[in-house]
């Protein structure tokens, strides 16, 4: 009998685990049957045919809808869900690479405790029933003030569960966002009346003005904006739109623009006000924008000829872009990126967003559209975010002796992502009992006394309210598409869903906590919400039968309903600070601006994306670099410092330093240094450990006064060659060009014939 026949028999007869056990004596390990071809697939059986499941991607960062091809119990391919309003069939490299994070050989398979001391790197596998009683006892003893929960910013049902869990157990909840977007959210609140950054209707506009807004590679949803950008350029029954972009260096978004102009770091808001001055063309500044004038009542101080030297943008460029923006029938002004990471990030973003008020495009097609609310009032659409200032306070309290008894960590890696001057690892080590729910061993999890590994998102339930969605009020539903890779069966403890563990703890601890979280599992919590949606009788799915409605929602990957346009509140720009940026140190000792850029593939490095060899091997779209860190310098800077390509240079700030090979990059100013994020892990498995550098560690602790966020673009550095060389792995330029015998050769010049 062939192995396939054995598995088919097991699947069709319902023998399940018994089949694997029965054939253990033939020499095939039990575990192979469970991992390679589980017989109990959620709501399915083994047929040998492809089965597609709709779900939500949690690796892409924006909660895109995906469909997953499953065959013989294994996930084989991921594509975008063509139905899902946010991304309509499109996906990203991160979404595609989820198969590798699912089947990563370095995933933690069972609960673990350190064999000896905390941080020793040696662990003992445990069973859930052996570790949960002690964990519950410690939680019970530390209730009402002795527990701290650290997570990633999260919305949907997990956000609701975390909020209720921490409130009712008396825990402090901190969320971690390494490159804080507080300035973007607060500017949105002051200009548009909502902290949910609105949807810029690129697909239907004629002109896009972007100042630091790298919407094709970052921000709220690159997949959504990538699709909208396609419509903007090549949509049917419309003329091709025009795109002008300003940034400190040439990014992927900048490379797609009709015109890109470098702007000096921290002066993006000044540039926006100069464009506003040119758009007004002598007319008085509207009352709503008066606070941006600094009490002057006019924007004359920002006339193009007054700010050209400060911003580095020529007068004619400012005036021409302003004219094009004003003359276009529809236009949007977008911002973000490093412009929001300066000490004056709030004023930068407020000035950029306010250009939309001058255009009068808020709430109009081709302009700025406010997002629809969550379809369920108790399911949050936004995630709370802890500011850097609050993180400083938290760590300072521990150092002063106010030490929590229990620390719970999920989806966050502050030891890796906080600036090194805070010494997060050393401070957190004072907490007596640390529990991590990570399913990979990252830098923060390495401090844990107990590791309770979470399922992968393709193995568990969840929901998401998309970050963008003006047309539809949406609840995306994430369902398990495969049995857990590390299952609970005889001989192994396996992984468990984080939310299910919290719900189980709530029932065990009882009292108000159990009343607030009455469900046995995340599936039950989601099912209760879906039953509420079914009672509405509208939306993308309708049925009088609750079971049919539930299955239909799962088949489509969620539920959504057309939304009425959301009206913006009147802008309130009072309290917007002065426009001048401040930096970590003087230009004489540290003459270069450090711009850290999240990798298109690995993000800011705080997650587990670097553990994927697919993402590590995928070329950076601008430099083609892979598997490492580099320092992008202008050729003139390299010449001035006598640095050659692949020379290892040391860049030093007041907070730290790093070593990386130099990469000549013509698309960057002479006073700017760019370093990609995502590498420099000391943990995270074989594909990520000890590879490249972590530039987050050397950020100076400079704070945005108005938001309390870290001004992560405000660090100055100096550069020095080390006399050593290496070779940066990359695709570009590693082979000499070859002239094909029958092809013509063209010379590209900037001269006209």
Foldseek 3Di string as FASTA:
>chain_A
DDPVVLLLCCLVVVVFLVSLVVCVVVPDHSLCCCQVAGQCFVVDGADQDWDKFWFFDPQQQFGFIWIFIDHNQATDFIWGQLQDVQQNTHDDPRRGLLSCVQVPPQFAFAKWFAPDAFLPPHIDGDFCVVPVVVVLVLLLVQFQQQEEEEAAFAFFPVLLLVVLLCVVRNYHYAYDDLQDLLLLQVLCCQAFVGSLAFDQQLLFAQEEEEEACLLCQDDNHNSNVVVSQCSCAPNPPDHHHAYEYEEQFCAPSNVPHPYYDYWPQLCLLLLLLQLVLLLCVPPFDDPLCQVLCVVPRHSVCSHLVNCCVVTVNHNVVSNVVSVCQNPTPAYEFYYDALCLLFLLNNSSNNSRRCVLVVNVCELHNNYTFGADAAPDVSTHQTGDHDFPLVVLVVLVCLVVPSARQEYEYEHFDCCQRAAQVSVVVVSNLSHNAYEYQDRHCFPVNSRHRMYQHAFSQLAAWTWHQGSYHRFKNWIFIGHRRGHRSSDPDPPGNGHYHPQLVSLVSQVVSDDSSCVSRVDNGPVVVVLVVQVVVQVVQDWPFHDPDSVVSVVVCRRSRTTIHTDDTDHTDHRHCPPSDDSGTAADDDCVAFVAFEREAEQSQQGQQGGLSLSRVSSQCQARPQQQFGQEKEKEAAPVLCVVQVADFQFWKWKAFPQGIFTHTYDHDNRRDHRYIYMYHNACTCTNDDRGHPGYRHCSNRADQDANPVRSHGSRRRIGIHMHTDPDGDDGDGDPPPDDDDDDPPDDDDDDDPDDD
